[in-house]
Amino acid sequence: MTGYYDIVLGLIPVALLGITAALTVVGVSLTAAVPIGALVAMSVIGHAMFINTPADVSDEANSARPPLNAD
């Protein structure tokens, strides 16, 4: 089953390459299309890091159990 972060990892190159190619086909110069595609890829990464944060919200994370000792 693919999760949100699997989709994000797939969208990063798709956004960068796909938007750059689409803008180039439409007639935007390559030197303008690459930064626009990179901006979209950065916004996907930023959404995954800051808006939809990878937090563990399970009941085990909120329990009063002490941390495991590696020694």
PDB file of N, CA and C in Angstrom:
ATOM      1  N   MET A   1       0.845  -1.167   0.000  1.00  0.00           N
ATOM      2  CA  MET A   1       0.000   0.000   0.000  1.00  0.00           C
ATOM      3  C   MET A   1       0.897   1.240   0.000  1.00  0.00           C
ATOM      4  N   THR A   2       0.632   2.132  -0.893  1.00  0.00           N
ATOM      5  CA  THR A   2       1.444   3.347  -0.962  1.00  0.00           C
ATOM      6  C   THR A   2       0.883   4.390  -0.010  1.00  0.00           C
ATOM      7  N   GLY A   3       1.779   4.997   0.711  1.00  0.00           N
ATOM      8  CA  GLY A   3       1.396   6.042   1.644  1.00  0.00           C
ATOM      9  C   GLY A   3       1.668   7.417   1.066  1.00  0.00           C
ATOM     10  N   TYR A   4       1.417   8.408   1.865  1.00  0.00           N
ATOM     11  CA  TYR A   4       1.588   9.796   1.445  1.00  0.00           C
ATOM     12  C   TYR A   4       3.027  10.080   1.036  1.00  0.00           C
ATOM     13  N   TYR A   5       3.988   9.599   1.827  1.00  0.00           N
ATOM     14  CA  TYR A   5       5.383   9.909   1.560  1.00  0.00           C
ATOM     15  C   TYR A   5       5.922   9.135   0.360  1.00  0.00           C
ATOM     16  N   ASP A   6       5.356   7.978   0.050  1.00  0.00           N
ATOM     17  CA  ASP A   6       5.711   7.280  -1.182  1.00  0.00           C
ATOM     18  C   ASP A   6       5.264   8.087  -2.399  1.00  0.00           C
ATOM     19  N   ILE A   7       4.086   8.666  -2.308  1.00  0.00           N
ATOM     20  CA  ILE A   7       3.571   9.503  -3.399  1.00  0.00           C
ATOM     21  C   ILE A   7       4.418  10.767  -3.533  1.00  0.00           C
ATOM     22  N   VAL A   8       4.814  11.346  -2.424  1.00  0.00           N
ATOM     23  CA  VAL A   8       5.654  12.549  -2.463  1.00  0.00           C
ATOM     24  C   VAL A   8       6.987  12.238  -3.136  1.00  0.00           C
ATOM     25  N   LEU A   9       7.581  11.097  -2.796  1.00  0.00           N
ATOM     26  CA  LEU A   9       8.855  10.732  -3.415  1.00  0.00           C
ATOM     27  C   LEU A   9       8.714  10.514  -4.916  1.00  0.00           C
ATOM     28  N   GLY A  10       7.563  10.055  -5.364  1.00  0.00           N
ATOM     29  CA  GLY A  10       7.330   9.909  -6.789  1.00  0.00           C
ATOM     30  C   GLY A  10       7.021  11.221  -7.478  1.00  0.00           C
ATOM     31  N   LEU A  11       6.383  12.142  -6.760  1.00  0.00           N
ATOM     32  CA  LEU A  11       6.004  13.426  -7.355  1.00  0.00           C
ATOM     33  C   LEU A  11       7.181  14.378  -7.546  1.00  0.00           C
ATOM     34  N   ILE A  12       8.226  14.216  -6.793  1.00  0.00           N
ATOM     35  CA  ILE A  12       9.354  15.146  -6.889  1.00  0.00           C
ATOM     36  C   ILE A  12       9.971  15.122  -8.293  1.00  0.00           C
ATOM     37  N   PRO A  13      10.407  13.980  -8.817  1.00  0.00           N
ATOM     38  CA  PRO A  13      10.964  14.011 -10.179  1.00  0.00           C
ATOM     39  C   PRO A  13       9.900  14.267 -11.245  1.00  0.00           C
ATOM     40  N   VAL A  14       8.666  13.815 -11.000  1.00  0.00           N
ATOM     41  CA  VAL A  14       7.593  14.069 -11.968  1.00  0.00           C
ATOM     42  C   VAL A  14       7.331  15.558 -12.076  1.00  0.00           C
ATOM     43  N   ALA A  15       7.310  16.247 -10.943  1.00  0.00           N
ATOM     44  CA  ALA A  15       7.077  17.689 -10.965  1.00  0.00           C
ATOM     45  C   ALA A  15       8.230  18.406 -11.654  1.00  0.00           C
ATOM     46  N   LEU A  16       9.442  18.033 -11.316  1.00  0.00           N
ATOM     47  CA  LEU A  16      10.597  18.714 -11.899  1.00  0.00           C
ATOM     48  C   LEU A  16      10.695  18.473 -13.398  1.00  0.00           C
ATOM     49  N   LEU A  17      10.659  17.218 -13.803  1.00  0.00           N
ATOM     50  CA  LEU A  17      10.825  16.903 -15.227  1.00  0.00           C
ATOM     51  C   LEU A  17       9.559  17.159 -16.032  1.00  0.00           C
ATOM     52  N   GLY A  18       8.417  16.797 -15.482  1.00  0.00           N
ATOM     53  CA  GLY A  18       7.166  16.936 -16.219  1.00  0.00           C
ATOM     54  C   GLY A  18       6.773  18.380 -16.454  1.00  0.00           C
ATOM     55  N   ILE A  19       6.865  19.204 -15.440  1.00  0.00           N
ATOM     56  CA  ILE A  19       6.497  20.612 -15.595  1.00  0.00           C
ATOM     57  C   ILE A  19       7.511  21.320 -16.482  1.00  0.00           C
ATOM     58  N   THR A  20       8.774  20.977 -16.335  1.00  0.00           N
ATOM     59  CA  THR A  20       9.789  21.569 -17.206  1.00  0.00           C
ATOM     60  C   THR A  20       9.525  21.201 -18.660  1.00  0.00           C
ATOM     61  N   ALA A  21       9.223  19.941 -18.931  1.00  0.00           N
ATOM     62  CA  ALA A  21       8.951  19.516 -20.307  1.00  0.00           C
ATOM     63  C   ALA A  21       7.676  20.158 -20.842  1.00  0.00           C
ATOM     64  N   ALA A  22       6.634  20.220 -20.014  1.00  0.00           N
ATOM     65  CA  ALA A  22       5.371  20.809 -20.462  1.00  0.00           C
ATOM     66  C   ALA A  22       5.533  22.287 -20.777  1.00  0.00           C
ATOM     67  N   LEU A  23       6.257  23.002 -19.939  1.00  0.00           N
ATOM     68  CA  LEU A  23       6.468  24.420 -20.197  1.00  0.00           C
ATOM     69  C   LEU A  23       7.349  24.645 -21.423  1.00  0.00           C
ATOM     70  N   THR A  24       8.299  23.762 -21.654  1.00  0.00           N
ATOM     71  CA  THR A  24       9.140  23.872 -22.833  1.00  0.00           C
ATOM     72  C   THR A  24       8.332  23.629 -24.098  1.00  0.00           C
ATOM     73  N   VAL A  25       7.415  22.660 -24.061  1.00  0.00           N
ATOM     74  CA  VAL A  25       6.566  22.373 -25.216  1.00  0.00           C
ATOM     75  C   VAL A  25       5.632  23.544 -25.502  1.00  0.00           C
ATOM     76  N   VAL A  26       5.145  24.189 -24.454  1.00  0.00           N
ATOM     77  CA  VAL A  26       4.236  25.318 -24.628  1.00  0.00           C
ATOM     78  C   VAL A  26       4.955  26.519 -25.240  1.00  0.00           C
ATOM     79  N   GLY A  27       6.249  26.631 -25.003  1.00  0.00           N
ATOM     80  CA  GLY A  27       6.998  27.724 -25.604  1.00  0.00           C
ATOM     81  C   GLY A  27       7.820  28.535 -24.631  1.00  0.00           C
ATOM     82  N   VAL A  28       7.802  28.155 -23.363  1.00  0.00           N
ATOM     83  CA  VAL A  28       8.616  28.851 -22.367  1.00  0.00           C
ATOM     84  C   VAL A  28      10.059  28.391 -22.550  1.00  0.00           C
ATOM     85  N   SER A  29      10.996  29.311 -22.414  1.00  0.00           N
ATOM     86  CA  SER A  29      12.403  28.937 -22.592  1.00  0.00           C
ATOM     87  C   SER A  29      12.837  27.969 -21.489  1.00  0.00           C
ATOM     88  N   LEU A  30      13.856  27.195 -21.798  1.00  0.00           N
ATOM     89  CA  LEU A  30      14.333  26.189 -20.850  1.00  0.00           C
ATOM     90  C   LEU A  30      14.898  26.837 -19.595  1.00  0.00           C
ATOM     91  N   THR A  31      15.521  27.993 -19.742  1.00  0.00           N
ATOM     92  CA  THR A  31      16.089  28.672 -18.565  1.00  0.00           C
ATOM     93  C   THR A  31      15.020  29.230 -17.638  1.00  0.00           C
ATOM     94  N   ALA A  32      13.808  29.369 -18.118  1.00  0.00           N
ATOM     95  CA  ALA A  32      12.700  29.785 -17.248  1.00  0.00           C
ATOM     96  C   ALA A  32      11.890  28.579 -16.783  1.00  0.00           C
ATOM     97  N   ALA A  33      11.832  27.518 -17.581  1.00  0.00           N
ATOM     98  CA  ALA A  33      11.023  26.351 -17.240  1.00  0.00           C
ATOM     99  C   ALA A  33      11.640  25.524 -16.113  1.00  0.00           C
ATOM    100  N   VAL A  34      12.953  25.425 -16.097  1.00  0.00           N
ATOM    101  CA  VAL A  34      13.613  24.622 -15.053  1.00  0.00           C
ATOM    102  C   VAL A  34      13.382  25.218 -13.660  1.00  0.00           C
ATOM    103  N   PRO A  35      13.561  26.514 -13.438  1.00  0.00           N
ATOM    104  CA  PRO A  35      13.276  27.050 -12.090  1.00  0.00           C
ATOM    105  C   PRO A  35      11.809  26.930 -11.685  1.00  0.00           C
ATOM    106  N   ILE A  36      10.902  27.024 -12.642  1.00  0.00           N
ATOM    107  CA  ILE A  36       9.483  26.875 -12.308  1.00  0.00           C
ATOM    108  C   ILE A  36       9.197  25.435 -11.875  1.00  0.00           C
ATOM    109  N   GLY A  37       9.740  24.461 -12.607  1.00  0.00           N
ATOM    110  CA  GLY A  37       9.585  23.055 -12.217  1.00  0.00           C
ATOM    111  C   GLY A  37      10.238  22.765 -10.880  1.00  0.00           C
ATOM    112  N   ALA A  38      11.393  23.381 -10.634  1.00  0.00           N
ATOM    113  CA  ALA A  38      12.081  23.193  -9.352  1.00  0.00           C
ATOM    114  C   ALA A  38      11.291  23.818  -8.209  1.00  0.00           C
ATOM    115  N   LEU A  39      10.635  24.942  -8.478  1.00  0.00           N
ATOM    116  CA  LEU A  39       9.816  25.586  -7.445  1.00  0.00           C
ATOM    117  C   LEU A  39       8.634  24.700  -7.055  1.00  0.00           C
ATOM    118  N   VAL A  40       8.020  24.057  -8.028  1.00  0.00           N
ATOM    119  CA  VAL A  40       6.913  23.144  -7.727  1.00  0.00           C
ATOM    120  C   VAL A  40       7.424  21.934  -6.951  1.00  0.00           C
ATOM    121  N   ALA A  41       8.572  21.386  -7.347  1.00  0.00           N
ATOM    122  CA  ALA A  41       9.148  20.249  -6.624  1.00  0.00           C
ATOM    123  C   ALA A  41       9.511  20.643  -5.195  1.00  0.00           C
ATOM    124  N   MET A  42      10.030  21.849  -5.011  1.00  0.00           N
ATOM    125  CA  MET A  42      10.347  22.328  -3.660  1.00  0.00           C
ATOM    126  C   MET A  42       9.094  22.505  -2.822  1.00  0.00           C
ATOM    127  N   SER A  43       8.016  22.939  -3.450  1.00  0.00           N
ATOM    128  CA  SER A  43       6.783  23.111  -2.685  1.00  0.00           C
ATOM    129  C   SER A  43       6.202  21.759  -2.261  1.00  0.00           C
ATOM    130  N   VAL A  44       6.366  20.734  -3.088  1.00  0.00           N
ATOM    131  CA  VAL A  44       5.936  19.384  -2.700  1.00  0.00           C
ATOM    132  C   VAL A  44       6.755  18.902  -1.507  1.00  0.00           C
ATOM    133  N   ILE A  45       8.058  19.122  -1.552  1.00  0.00           N
ATOM    134  CA  ILE A  45       8.921  18.726  -0.443  1.00  0.00           C
ATOM    135  C   ILE A  45       8.580  19.524   0.817  1.00  0.00           C
ATOM    136  N   GLY A  46       8.359  20.817   0.663  1.00  0.00           N
ATOM    137  CA  GLY A  46       8.013  21.657   1.811  1.00  0.00           C
ATOM    138  C   GLY A  46       6.698  21.258   2.441  1.00  0.00           C
ATOM    139  N   HIS A  47       5.734  20.877   1.613  1.00  0.00           N
ATOM    140  CA  HIS A  47       4.450  20.420   2.158  1.00  0.00           C
ATOM    141  C   HIS A  47       4.638  19.145   2.968  1.00  0.00           C
ATOM    142  N   ALA A  48       5.457  18.237   2.459  1.00  0.00           N
ATOM    143  CA  ALA A  48       5.684  16.978   3.161  1.00  0.00           C
ATOM    144  C   ALA A  48       6.464  17.180   4.455  1.00  0.00           C
ATOM    145  N   MET A  49       7.337  18.186   4.492  1.00  0.00           N
ATOM    146  CA  MET A  49       8.164  18.390   5.684  1.00  0.00           C
ATOM    147  C   MET A  49       7.492  19.253   6.750  1.00  0.00           C
ATOM    148  N   PHE A  50       6.746  20.282   6.328  1.00  0.00           N
ATOM    149  CA  PHE A  50       6.269  21.255   7.301  1.00  0.00           C
ATOM    150  C   PHE A  50       4.754  21.280   7.481  1.00  0.00           C
ATOM    151  N   ILE A  51       3.992  20.974   6.447  1.00  0.00           N
ATOM    152  CA  ILE A  51       2.534  21.012   6.564  1.00  0.00           C
ATOM    153  C   ILE A  51       2.008  19.665   7.038  1.00  0.00           C
ATOM    154  N   ASN A  52       2.385  18.608   6.356  1.00  0.00           N
ATOM    155  CA  ASN A  52       1.967  17.258   6.719  1.00  0.00           C
ATOM    156  C   ASN A  52       3.179  16.535   7.294  1.00  0.00           C
ATOM    157  N   THR A  53       3.515  16.848   8.529  1.00  0.00           N
ATOM    158  CA  THR A  53       4.754  16.371   9.132  1.00  0.00           C
ATOM    159  C   THR A  53       4.709  14.877   9.413  1.00  0.00           C
ATOM    160  N   PRO A  54       5.863  14.217   9.321  1.00  0.00           N
ATOM    161  CA  PRO A  54       5.924  12.786   9.605  1.00  0.00           C
ATOM    162  C   PRO A  54       5.996  12.526  11.114  1.00  0.00           C
ATOM    163  N   ALA A  55       4.868  12.612  11.798  1.00  0.00           N
ATOM    164  CA  ALA A  55       4.832  12.420  13.243  1.00  0.00           C
ATOM    165  C   ALA A  55       4.229  11.052  13.558  1.00  0.00           C
ATOM    166  N   ASP A  56       4.723  10.439  14.592  1.00  0.00           N
ATOM    167  CA  ASP A  56       4.202   9.158  15.050  1.00  0.00           C
ATOM    168  C   ASP A  56       3.079   9.442  16.038  1.00  0.00           C
ATOM    169  N   VAL A  57       1.851   9.148  15.657  1.00  0.00           N
ATOM    170  CA  VAL A  57       0.707   9.460  16.510  1.00  0.00           C
ATOM    171  C   VAL A  57       0.070   8.198  17.085  1.00  0.00           C
ATOM    172  N   SER A  58       0.810   7.118  17.124  1.00  0.00           N
ATOM    173  CA  SER A  58       0.252   5.876  17.647  1.00  0.00           C
ATOM    174  C   SER A  58       0.141   5.942  19.171  1.00  0.00           C
ATOM    175  N   ASP A  59      -0.609   5.016  19.730  1.00  0.00           N
ATOM    176  CA  ASP A  59      -0.791   4.970  21.180  1.00  0.00           C
ATOM    177  C   ASP A  59       0.506   4.603  21.892  1.00  0.00           C
ATOM    178  N   GLU A  60       1.359   3.831  21.227  1.00  0.00           N
ATOM    179  CA  GLU A  60       2.613   3.441  21.846  1.00  0.00           C
ATOM    180  C   GLU A  60       3.532   4.642  22.043  1.00  0.00           C
ATOM    181  N   ALA A  61       3.474   5.609  21.160  1.00  0.00           N
ATOM    182  CA  ALA A  61       4.334   6.790  21.287  1.00  0.00           C
ATOM    183  C   ALA A  61       3.900   7.660  22.460  1.00  0.00           C
ATOM    184  N   ASN A  62       2.646   7.603  22.838  1.00  0.00           N
ATOM    185  CA  ASN A  62       2.132   8.431  23.921  1.00  0.00           C
ATOM    186  C   ASN A  62       2.113   7.718  25.266  1.00  0.00           C
ATOM    187  N   SER A  63       2.587   6.485  25.334  1.00  0.00           N
ATOM    188  CA  SER A  63       2.546   5.746  26.592  1.00  0.00           C
ATOM    189  C   SER A  63       3.624   6.258  27.546  1.00  0.00           C
ATOM    190  N   ALA A  64       3.483   5.913  28.800  1.00  0.00           N
ATOM    191  CA  ALA A  64       4.410   6.368  29.834  1.00  0.00           C
ATOM    192  C   ALA A  64       5.578   5.405  29.999  1.00  0.00           C
ATOM    193  N   ARG A  65       5.810   4.569  29.025  1.00  0.00           N
ATOM    194  CA  ARG A  65       6.897   3.604  29.090  1.00  0.00           C
ATOM    195  C   ARG A  65       8.239   4.315  28.970  1.00  0.00           C
ATOM    196  N   PRO A  66       9.229   3.940  29.771  1.00  0.00           N
ATOM    197  CA  PRO A  66      10.557   4.568  29.633  1.00  0.00           C
ATOM    198  C   PRO A  66      11.222   4.107  28.338  1.00  0.00           C
ATOM    199  N   PRO A  67      12.152   4.873  27.813  1.00  0.00           N
ATOM    200  CA  PRO A  67      12.846   4.470  26.569  1.00  0.00           C
ATOM    201  C   PRO A  67      13.703   3.238  26.790  1.00  0.00           C
ATOM    202  N   LEU A  68      13.942   2.482  25.732  1.00  0.00           N
ATOM    203  CA  LEU A  68      14.769   1.288  25.830  1.00  0.00           C
ATOM    204  C   LEU A  68      16.228   1.653  26.009  1.00  0.00           C
ATOM    205  N   ASN A  69      16.940   0.885  26.820  1.00  0.00           N
ATOM    206  CA  ASN A  69      18.346   1.110  27.036  1.00  0.00           C
ATOM    207  C   ASN A  69      19.123   0.192  26.098  1.00  0.00           C
ATOM    208  N   ALA A  70      20.018   0.752  25.323  1.00  0.00           N
ATOM    209  CA  ALA A  70      20.755  -0.030  24.329  1.00  0.00           C
ATOM    210  C   ALA A  70      21.938  -0.780  24.935  1.00  0.00           C
ATOM    211  N   ASP A  71      22.226  -0.558  26.187  1.00  0.00           N
ATOM    212  CA  ASP A  71      23.380  -1.225  26.815  1.00  0.00           C
ATOM    213  C   ASP A  71      23.077  -2.617  27.222  1.00  0.00           C
TER     214      ASP A  71
END
